[in-house]
Amino acid sequence: GSCFAGTFFEIAIAADRSFMLNEPDVPVHLRIGPL
């Protein structure tokens, strides 16, 4: 359900730590934008 994409991707890498669920059957993604 996460949407760390574009400007929201910056929120993820602003964090001290990040945890990303690695489950092939669950659509979890990051997406880097031009900004």
PDB file of all heavy atoms in Angstrom:
ATOM      1  N   GLY A   1       0.797  -1.222   0.000  1.00  0.00           N
ATOM      2  CA  GLY A   1       0.000   0.000   0.000  1.00  0.00           C
ATOM      3  C   GLY A   1       0.823   1.262   0.000  1.00  0.00           C
ATOM      4  O   GLY A   1       0.285   2.362  -0.133  1.00  0.00           O
ATOM      5  N   SER A   2       2.164   1.122   0.174  1.00  0.00           N
ATOM      6  CA  SER A   2       3.032   2.297   0.181  1.00  0.00           C
ATOM      7  C   SER A   2       3.136   2.923  -1.201  1.00  0.00           C
ATOM      8  O   SER A   2       2.921   2.261  -2.219  1.00  0.00           O
ATOM      9  CB  SER A   2       4.437   1.917   0.661  1.00  0.00           C
ATOM     10  OG  SER A   2       4.435   1.574   2.027  1.00  0.00           O
ATOM     11  N   CYS A   3       3.498   4.201  -1.211  1.00  0.00           N
ATOM     12  CA  CYS A   3       3.681   4.908  -2.484  1.00  0.00           C
ATOM     13  C   CYS A   3       4.848   5.879  -2.360  1.00  0.00           C
ATOM     14  O   CYS A   3       4.695   7.086  -2.561  1.00  0.00           O
ATOM     15  CB  CYS A   3       2.401   5.629  -2.900  1.00  0.00           C
ATOM     16  SG  CYS A   3       1.720   6.743  -1.636  1.00  0.00           S
ATOM     17  N   PHE A   4       6.002   5.346  -2.011  1.00  0.00           N
ATOM     18  CA  PHE A   4       7.207   6.171  -1.922  1.00  0.00           C
ATOM     19  C   PHE A   4       7.737   6.410  -3.336  1.00  0.00           C
ATOM     20  O   PHE A   4       8.717   5.800  -3.768  1.00  0.00           O
ATOM     21  CB  PHE A   4       8.257   5.504  -1.039  1.00  0.00           C
ATOM     22  CG  PHE A   4       7.946   5.579   0.427  1.00  0.00           C
ATOM     23  CD1 PHE A   4       7.371   4.497   1.088  1.00  0.00           C
ATOM     24  CD2 PHE A   4       8.215   6.734   1.140  1.00  0.00           C
ATOM     25  CE1 PHE A   4       7.093   4.563   2.450  1.00  0.00           C
ATOM     26  CE2 PHE A   4       7.936   6.813   2.504  1.00  0.00           C
ATOM     27  CZ  PHE A   4       7.365   5.723   3.159  1.00  0.00           C
ATOM     28  N   ALA A   5       7.078   7.317  -4.031  1.00  0.00           N
ATOM     29  CA  ALA A   5       7.411   7.609  -5.424  1.00  0.00           C
ATOM     30  C   ALA A   5       7.567   9.118  -5.587  1.00  0.00           C
ATOM     31  O   ALA A   5       6.947   9.904  -4.866  1.00  0.00           O
ATOM     32  CB  ALA A   5       6.311   7.102  -6.352  1.00  0.00           C
ATOM     33  N   GLY A   6       8.405   9.539  -6.537  1.00  0.00           N
ATOM     34  CA  GLY A   6       8.557  10.959  -6.816  1.00  0.00           C
ATOM     35  C   GLY A   6       9.006  11.736  -5.596  1.00  0.00           C
ATOM     36  O   GLY A   6       9.993  11.386  -4.950  1.00  0.00           O
ATOM     37  N   THR A   7       8.270  12.796  -5.263  1.00  0.00           N
ATOM     38  CA  THR A   7       8.632  13.580  -4.082  1.00  0.00           C
ATOM     39  C   THR A   7       8.540  12.753  -2.800  1.00  0.00           C
ATOM     40  O   THR A   7       9.282  13.014  -1.843  1.00  0.00           O
ATOM     41  CB  THR A   7       7.722  14.820  -3.960  1.00  0.00           C
ATOM     42  OG1 THR A   7       6.359  14.438  -4.194  1.00  0.00           O
ATOM     43  CG2 THR A   7       8.112  15.882  -4.980  1.00  0.00           C
ATOM     44  N   PHE A   8       7.672  11.749  -2.765  1.00  0.00           N
ATOM     45  CA  PHE A   8       7.574  10.888  -1.587  1.00  0.00           C
ATOM     46  C   PHE A   8       8.791   9.973  -1.452  1.00  0.00           C
ATOM     47  O   PHE A   8       9.086   9.494  -0.350  1.00  0.00           O
ATOM     48  CB  PHE A   8       6.289  10.062  -1.637  1.00  0.00           C
ATOM     49  CG  PHE A   8       5.066  10.786  -1.125  1.00  0.00           C
ATOM     50  CD1 PHE A   8       5.069  12.159  -0.941  1.00  0.00           C
ATOM     51  CD2 PHE A   8       3.898  10.089  -0.841  1.00  0.00           C
ATOM     52  CE1 PHE A   8       3.944  12.828  -0.474  1.00  0.00           C
ATOM     53  CE2 PHE A   8       2.775  10.745  -0.372  1.00  0.00           C
ATOM     54  CZ  PHE A   8       2.796  12.111  -0.184  1.00  0.00           C
ATOM     55  N   PHE A   9       9.486   9.690  -2.558  1.00  0.00           N
ATOM     56  CA  PHE A   9      10.732   8.930  -2.465  1.00  0.00           C
ATOM     57  C   PHE A   9      11.732   9.673  -1.585  1.00  0.00           C
ATOM     58  O   PHE A   9      12.501   9.062  -0.831  1.00  0.00           O
ATOM     59  CB  PHE A   9      11.323   8.705  -3.859  1.00  0.00           C
ATOM     60  CG  PHE A   9      12.725   8.169  -3.845  1.00  0.00           C
ATOM     61  CD1 PHE A   9      12.977   6.833  -3.538  1.00  0.00           C
ATOM     62  CD2 PHE A   9      13.811   8.997  -4.106  1.00  0.00           C
ATOM     63  CE1 PHE A   9      14.277   6.341  -3.499  1.00  0.00           C
ATOM     64  CE2 PHE A   9      15.106   8.520  -4.071  1.00  0.00           C
ATOM     65  CZ  PHE A   9      15.345   7.184  -3.771  1.00  0.00           C
ATOM     66  N   GLU A  10      11.707  11.021  -1.649  1.00  0.00           N
ATOM     67  CA  GLU A  10      12.618  11.816  -0.828  1.00  0.00           C
ATOM     68  C   GLU A  10      12.353  11.605   0.660  1.00  0.00           C
ATOM     69  O   GLU A  10      13.276  11.678   1.478  1.00  0.00           O
ATOM     70  CB  GLU A  10      12.478  13.296  -1.180  1.00  0.00           C
ATOM     71  CG  GLU A  10      12.917  13.655  -2.585  1.00  0.00           C
ATOM     72  CD  GLU A  10      14.420  13.533  -2.755  1.00  0.00           C
ATOM     73  OE1 GLU A  10      15.165  14.193  -1.998  1.00  0.00           O
ATOM     74  OE2 GLU A  10      14.857  12.774  -3.638  1.00  0.00           O
ATOM     75  N   ILE A  11      11.107  11.347   1.026  1.00  0.00           N
ATOM     76  CA  ILE A  11      10.788  11.064   2.428  1.00  0.00           C
ATOM     77  C   ILE A  11      11.486   9.793   2.877  1.00  0.00           C
ATOM     78  O   ILE A  11      12.035   9.714   3.984  1.00  0.00           O
ATOM     79  CB  ILE A  11       9.264  10.944   2.617  1.00  0.00           C
ATOM     80  CG1 ILE A  11       8.580  12.287   2.327  1.00  0.00           C
ATOM     81  CG2 ILE A  11       8.919  10.454   4.017  1.00  0.00           C
ATOM     82  CD1 ILE A  11       7.062  12.237   2.376  1.00  0.00           C
ATOM     83  N   ALA A  12      11.502   8.793   2.006  1.00  0.00           N
ATOM     84  CA  ALA A  12      12.120   7.512   2.360  1.00  0.00           C
ATOM     85  C   ALA A  12      13.614   7.652   2.583  1.00  0.00           C
ATOM     86  O   ALA A  12      14.171   7.113   3.555  1.00  0.00           O
ATOM     87  CB  ALA A  12      11.842   6.480   1.267  1.00  0.00           C
ATOM     88  N   ILE A  13      14.302   8.390   1.693  1.00  0.00           N
ATOM     89  CA  ILE A  13      15.754   8.470   1.864  1.00  0.00           C
ATOM     90  C   ILE A  13      16.172   9.575   2.829  1.00  0.00           C
ATOM     91  O   ILE A  13      17.351   9.700   3.152  1.00  0.00           O
ATOM     92  CB  ILE A  13      16.482   8.619   0.509  1.00  0.00           C
ATOM     93  CG1 ILE A  13      16.002   9.841  -0.270  1.00  0.00           C
ATOM     94  CG2 ILE A  13      16.345   7.369  -0.321  1.00  0.00           C
ATOM     95  CD1 ILE A  13      16.876  10.124  -1.481  1.00  0.00           C
ATOM     96  N   ALA A  14      15.203  10.362   3.300  1.00  0.00           N
ATOM     97  CA  ALA A  14      15.489  11.297   4.389  1.00  0.00           C
ATOM     98  C   ALA A  14      15.542  10.577   5.727  1.00  0.00           C
ATOM     99  O   ALA A  14      16.087  11.104   6.699  1.00  0.00           O
ATOM    100  CB  ALA A  14      14.432  12.401   4.435  1.00  0.00           C
ATOM    101  N   ALA A  15      14.976   9.362   5.777  1.00  0.00           N
ATOM    102  CA  ALA A  15      14.896   8.615   7.029  1.00  0.00           C
ATOM    103  C   ALA A  15      16.272   8.105   7.455  1.00  0.00           C
ATOM    104  O   ALA A  15      17.171   7.904   6.639  1.00  0.00           O
ATOM    105  CB  ALA A  15      13.923   7.448   6.876  1.00  0.00           C
ATOM    106  N   ASP A  16      16.409   7.878   8.758  1.00  0.00           N
ATOM    107  CA  ASP A  16      17.649   7.300   9.279  1.00  0.00           C
ATOM    108  C   ASP A  16      17.786   5.840   8.878  1.00  0.00           C
ATOM    109  O   ASP A  16      18.897   5.354   8.638  1.00  0.00           O
ATOM    110  CB  ASP A  16      17.681   7.420  10.803  1.00  0.00           C
ATOM    111  CG  ASP A  16      17.632   8.861  11.266  1.00  0.00           C
ATOM    112  OD1 ASP A  16      18.590   9.600  10.997  1.00  0.00           O
ATOM    113  OD2 ASP A  16      16.616   9.253  11.865  1.00  0.00           O
ATOM    114  N   ARG A  17      16.670   5.125   8.843  1.00  0.00           N
ATOM    115  CA  ARG A  17      16.638   3.741   8.369  1.00  0.00           C
ATOM    116  C   ARG A  17      15.385   3.547   7.528  1.00  0.00           C
ATOM    117  O   ARG A  17      14.373   4.219   7.741  1.00  0.00           O
ATOM    118  CB  ARG A  17      16.597   2.743   9.520  1.00  0.00           C
ATOM    119  CG  ARG A  17      17.781   2.737  10.448  1.00  0.00           C
ATOM    120  CD  ARG A  17      17.638   1.601  11.453  1.00  0.00           C
ATOM    121  NE  ARG A  17      18.605   1.718  12.530  1.00  0.00           N
ATOM    122  CZ  ARG A  17      18.658   0.881  13.569  1.00  0.00           C
ATOM    123  NH1 ARG A  17      17.772  -0.119  13.648  1.00  0.00           N
ATOM    124  NH2 ARG A  17      19.561   1.029  14.518  1.00  0.00           N
ATOM    125  N   SER A  18      15.458   2.607   6.618  1.00  0.00           N
ATOM    126  CA  SER A  18      14.270   2.272   5.826  1.00  0.00           C
ATOM    127  C   SER A  18      14.131   0.764   5.747  1.00  0.00           C
ATOM    128  O   SER A  18      15.117   0.029   5.583  1.00  0.00           O
ATOM    129  CB  SER A  18      14.357   2.877   4.423  1.00  0.00           C
ATOM    130  OG  SER A  18      15.581   2.531   3.804  1.00  0.00           O
ATOM    131  N   PHE A  19      12.904   0.304   5.885  1.00  0.00           N
ATOM    132  CA  PHE A  19      12.578  -1.122   5.846  1.00  0.00           C
ATOM    133  C   PHE A  19      11.622  -1.353   4.686  1.00  0.00           C
ATOM    134  O   PHE A  19      10.548  -0.733   4.640  1.00  0.00           O
ATOM    135  CB  PHE A  19      11.911  -1.561   7.152  1.00  0.00           C
ATOM    136  CG  PHE A  19      12.772  -1.336   8.372  1.00  0.00           C
ATOM    137  CD1 PHE A  19      12.830  -0.086   8.978  1.00  0.00           C
ATOM    138  CD2 PHE A  19      13.515  -2.372   8.911  1.00  0.00           C
ATOM    139  CE1 PHE A  19      13.614   0.131  10.099  1.00  0.00           C
ATOM    140  CE2 PHE A  19      14.307  -2.164  10.035  1.00  0.00           C
ATOM    141  CZ  PHE A  19      14.360  -0.898  10.627  1.00  0.00           C
ATOM    142  N   MET A  20      11.988  -2.235   3.753  1.00  0.00           N
ATOM    143  CA  MET A  20      11.160  -2.484   2.588  1.00  0.00           C
ATOM    144  C   MET A  20      10.787  -3.967   2.521  1.00  0.00           C
ATOM    145  O   MET A  20      11.676  -4.838   2.521  1.00  0.00           O
ATOM    146  CB  MET A  20      11.888  -2.075   1.312  1.00  0.00           C
ATOM    147  CG  MET A  20      11.039  -2.152   0.064  1.00  0.00           C
ATOM    148  SD  MET A  20      11.876  -1.388  -1.349  1.00  0.00           S
ATOM    149  CE  MET A  20      10.583  -1.541  -2.611  1.00  0.00           C
ATOM    150  N   LEU A  21       9.510  -4.233   2.492  1.00  0.00           N
ATOM    151  CA  LEU A  21       9.019  -5.604   2.456  1.00  0.00           C
ATOM    152  C   LEU A  21       9.424  -6.285   1.152  1.00  0.00           C
ATOM    153  O   LEU A  21       9.167  -5.774   0.070  1.00  0.00           O
ATOM    154  CB  LEU A  21       7.494  -5.610   2.601  1.00  0.00           C
ATOM    155  CG  LEU A  21       6.808  -6.971   2.504  1.00  0.00           C
ATOM    156  CD1 LEU A  21       7.281  -7.902   3.626  1.00  0.00           C
ATOM    157  CD2 LEU A  21       5.283  -6.799   2.552  1.00  0.00           C
ATOM    158  N   ASN A  22      10.071  -7.449   1.288  1.00  0.00           N
ATOM    159  CA  ASN A  22      10.510  -8.232   0.133  1.00  0.00           C
ATOM    160  C   ASN A  22       9.633  -9.474   0.027  1.00  0.00           C
ATOM    161  O   ASN A  22       9.938 -10.530   0.590  1.00  0.00           O
ATOM    162  CB  ASN A  22      11.986  -8.623   0.286  1.00  0.00           C
ATOM    163  CG  ASN A  22      12.523  -9.342  -0.936  1.00  0.00           C
ATOM    164  OD1 ASN A  22      11.827  -9.500  -1.937  1.00  0.00           O
ATOM    165  ND2 ASN A  22      13.764  -9.804  -0.859  1.00  0.00           N
ATOM    166  N   GLU A  23       8.527  -9.324  -0.666  1.00  0.00           N
ATOM    167  CA  GLU A  23       7.571 -10.418  -0.825  1.00  0.00           C
ATOM    168  C   GLU A  23       7.118 -10.442  -2.282  1.00  0.00           C
ATOM    169  O   GLU A  23       6.397  -9.536  -2.730  1.00  0.00           O
ATOM    170  CB  GLU A  23       6.379 -10.218   0.109  1.00  0.00           C
ATOM    171  CG  GLU A  23       5.270 -11.245  -0.041  1.00  0.00           C
ATOM    172  CD  GLU A  23       5.761 -12.674   0.135  1.00  0.00           C
ATOM    173  OE1 GLU A  23       6.543 -12.928   1.072  1.00  0.00           O
ATOM    174  OE2 GLU A  23       5.368 -13.524  -0.685  1.00  0.00           O
ATOM    175  N   PRO A  24       7.548 -11.444  -3.065  1.00  0.00           N
ATOM    176  CA  PRO A  24       7.255 -11.467  -4.505  1.00  0.00           C
ATOM    177  C   PRO A  24       5.779 -11.333  -4.846  1.00  0.00           C
ATOM    178  O   PRO A  24       5.426 -10.774  -5.885  1.00  0.00           O
ATOM    179  CB  PRO A  24       7.811 -12.829  -4.941  1.00  0.00           C
ATOM    180  CG  PRO A  24       8.858 -13.153  -3.928  1.00  0.00           C
ATOM    181  CD  PRO A  24       8.363 -12.592  -2.640  1.00  0.00           C
ATOM    182  N   ASP A  25       4.906 -11.842  -3.992  1.00  0.00           N
ATOM    183  CA  ASP A  25       3.473 -11.812  -4.308  1.00  0.00           C
ATOM    184  C   ASP A  25       2.794 -10.504  -3.892  1.00  0.00           C
ATOM    185  O   ASP A  25       1.598 -10.332  -4.128  1.00  0.00           O
ATOM    186  CB  ASP A  25       2.770 -12.988  -3.618  1.00  0.00           C
ATOM    187  CG  ASP A  25       3.254 -14.332  -4.142  1.00  0.00           C
ATOM    188  OD1 ASP A  25       3.679 -14.379  -5.318  1.00  0.00           O
ATOM    189  OD2 ASP A  25       3.240 -15.307  -3.371  1.00  0.00           O
ATOM    190  N   VAL A  26       3.549  -9.604  -3.256  1.00  0.00           N
ATOM    191  CA  VAL A  26       2.984  -8.335  -2.796  1.00  0.00           C
ATOM    192  C   VAL A  26       3.647  -7.190  -3.557  1.00  0.00           C
ATOM    193  O   VAL A  26       4.867  -7.068  -3.553  1.00  0.00           O
ATOM    194  CB  VAL A  26       3.188  -8.146  -1.281  1.00  0.00           C
ATOM    195  CG1 VAL A  26       2.630  -6.802  -0.826  1.00  0.00           C
ATOM    196  CG2 VAL A  26       2.525  -9.281  -0.513  1.00  0.00           C
ATOM    197  N   PRO A  27       2.868  -6.353  -4.250  1.00  0.00           N
ATOM    198  CA  PRO A  27       3.463  -5.259  -5.036  1.00  0.00           C
ATOM    199  C   PRO A  27       3.954  -4.110  -4.147  1.00  0.00           C
ATOM    200  O   PRO A  27       3.175  -3.238  -3.750  1.00  0.00           O
ATOM    201  CB  PRO A  27       2.311  -4.807  -5.943  1.00  0.00           C
ATOM    202  CG  PRO A  27       1.072  -5.162  -5.176  1.00  0.00           C
ATOM    203  CD  PRO A  27       1.396  -6.394  -4.373  1.00  0.00           C
ATOM    204  N   VAL A  28       5.240  -4.127  -3.832  1.00  0.00           N
ATOM    205  CA  VAL A  28       5.852  -3.063  -3.034  1.00  0.00           C
ATOM    206  C   VAL A  28       7.015  -2.489  -3.835  1.00  0.00           C
ATOM    207  O   VAL A  28       7.941  -3.213  -4.208  1.00  0.00           O
ATOM    208  CB  VAL A  28       6.359  -3.591  -1.674  1.00  0.00           C
ATOM    209  CG1 VAL A  28       6.983  -2.461  -0.872  1.00  0.00           C
ATOM    210  CG2 VAL A  28       5.228  -4.234  -0.891  1.00  0.00           C
ATOM    211  N   HIS A  29       6.968  -1.178  -4.100  1.00  0.00           N
ATOM    212  CA  HIS A  29       7.977  -0.576  -4.965  1.00  0.00           C
ATOM    213  C   HIS A  29       8.388   0.812  -4.470  1.00  0.00           C
ATOM    214  O   HIS A  29       7.631   1.489  -3.769  1.00  0.00           O
ATOM    215  CB  HIS A  29       7.463  -0.446  -6.404  1.00  0.00           C
ATOM    216  CG  HIS A  29       7.158  -1.744  -7.066  1.00  0.00           C
ATOM    217  ND1 HIS A  29       5.884  -2.286  -7.081  1.00  0.00           N
ATOM    218  CD2 HIS A  29       7.963  -2.621  -7.730  1.00  0.00           C
ATOM    219  CE1 HIS A  29       5.909  -3.438  -7.734  1.00  0.00           C
ATOM    220  NE2 HIS A  29       7.153  -3.664  -8.135  1.00  0.00           N
ATOM    221  N   LEU A  30       9.587   1.209  -4.864  1.00  0.00           N
ATOM    222  CA  LEU A  30      10.033   2.599  -4.824  1.00  0.00           C
ATOM    223  C   LEU A  30      10.039   3.119  -6.242  1.00  0.00           C
ATOM    224  O   LEU A  30      10.129   2.340  -7.198  1.00  0.00           O
ATOM    225  CB  LEU A  30      11.449   2.712  -4.250  1.00  0.00           C
ATOM    226  CG  LEU A  30      11.670   2.366  -2.781  1.00  0.00           C
ATOM    227  CD1 LEU A  30      13.167   2.394  -2.476  1.00  0.00           C
ATOM    228  CD2 LEU A  30      10.940   3.353  -1.883  1.00  0.00           C
ATOM    229  N   ARG A  31       9.973   4.426  -6.385  1.00  0.00           N
ATOM    230  CA  ARG A  31      10.063   5.006  -7.726  1.00  0.00           C
ATOM    231  C   ARG A  31      10.708   6.383  -7.645  1.00  0.00           C
ATOM    232  O   ARG A  31      10.172   7.276  -6.988  1.00  0.00           O
ATOM    233  CB  ARG A  31       8.682   5.094  -8.377  1.00  0.00           C
ATOM    234  CG  ARG A  31       8.736   5.489  -9.848  1.00  0.00           C
ATOM    235  CD  ARG A  31       7.393   5.287 -10.500  1.00  0.00           C
ATOM    236  NE  ARG A  31       7.343   5.813 -11.851  1.00  0.00           N
ATOM    237  CZ  ARG A  31       6.250   5.826 -12.616  1.00  0.00           C
ATOM    238  NH1 ARG A  31       5.115   5.313 -12.144  1.00  0.00           N
ATOM    239  NH2 ARG A  31       6.275   6.326 -13.837  1.00  0.00           N
ATOM    240  N   ILE A  32      11.845   6.530  -8.290  1.00  0.00           N
ATOM    241  CA  ILE A  32      12.586   7.785  -8.254  1.00  0.00           C
ATOM    242  C   ILE A  32      12.094   8.706  -9.360  1.00  0.00           C
ATOM    243  O   ILE A  32      11.939   8.280 -10.503  1.00  0.00           O
ATOM    244  CB  ILE A  32      14.093   7.527  -8.417  1.00  0.00           C
ATOM    245  CG1 ILE A  32      14.587   6.560  -7.334  1.00  0.00           C
ATOM    246  CG2 ILE A  32      14.885   8.835  -8.352  1.00  0.00           C
ATOM    247  CD1 ILE A  32      16.020   6.129  -7.504  1.00  0.00           C
ATOM    248  N   GLY A  33      11.865   9.972  -9.029  1.00  0.00           N
ATOM    249  CA  GLY A  33      11.406  10.949 -10.009  1.00  0.00           C
ATOM    250  C   GLY A  33      12.505  11.932 -10.369  1.00  0.00           C
ATOM    251  O   GLY A  33      13.561  11.990  -9.718  1.00  0.00           O
ATOM    252  N   PRO A  34      12.283  12.746 -11.376  1.00  0.00           N
ATOM    253  CA  PRO A  34      13.312  13.692 -11.840  1.00  0.00           C
ATOM    254  C   PRO A  34      13.681  14.756 -10.818  1.00  0.00           C
ATOM    255  O   PRO A  34      14.781  15.311 -10.859  1.00  0.00           O
ATOM    256  CB  PRO A  34      12.684  14.310 -13.095  1.00  0.00           C
ATOM    257  CG  PRO A  34      11.208  14.088 -12.953  1.00  0.00           C
ATOM    258  CD  PRO A  34      11.068  12.792 -12.225  1.00  0.00           C
ATOM    259  N   LEU A  35      12.778  15.075  -9.885  1.00  0.00           N
ATOM    260  CA  LEU A  35      13.080  16.100  -8.892  1.00  0.00           C
ATOM    261  C   LEU A  35      14.184  15.668  -7.934  1.00  0.00           C
ATOM    262  O   LEU A  35      14.811  16.514  -7.281  1.00  0.00           O
ATOM    263  CB  LEU A  35      11.817  16.451  -8.107  1.00  0.00           C
ATOM    264  CG  LEU A  35      10.714  17.152  -8.917  1.00  0.00           C
ATOM    265  CD1 LEU A  35       9.420  17.196  -8.122  1.00  0.00           C
ATOM    266  CD2 LEU A  35      11.140  18.564  -9.300  1.00  0.00           C
TER     267      LEU A  35
END
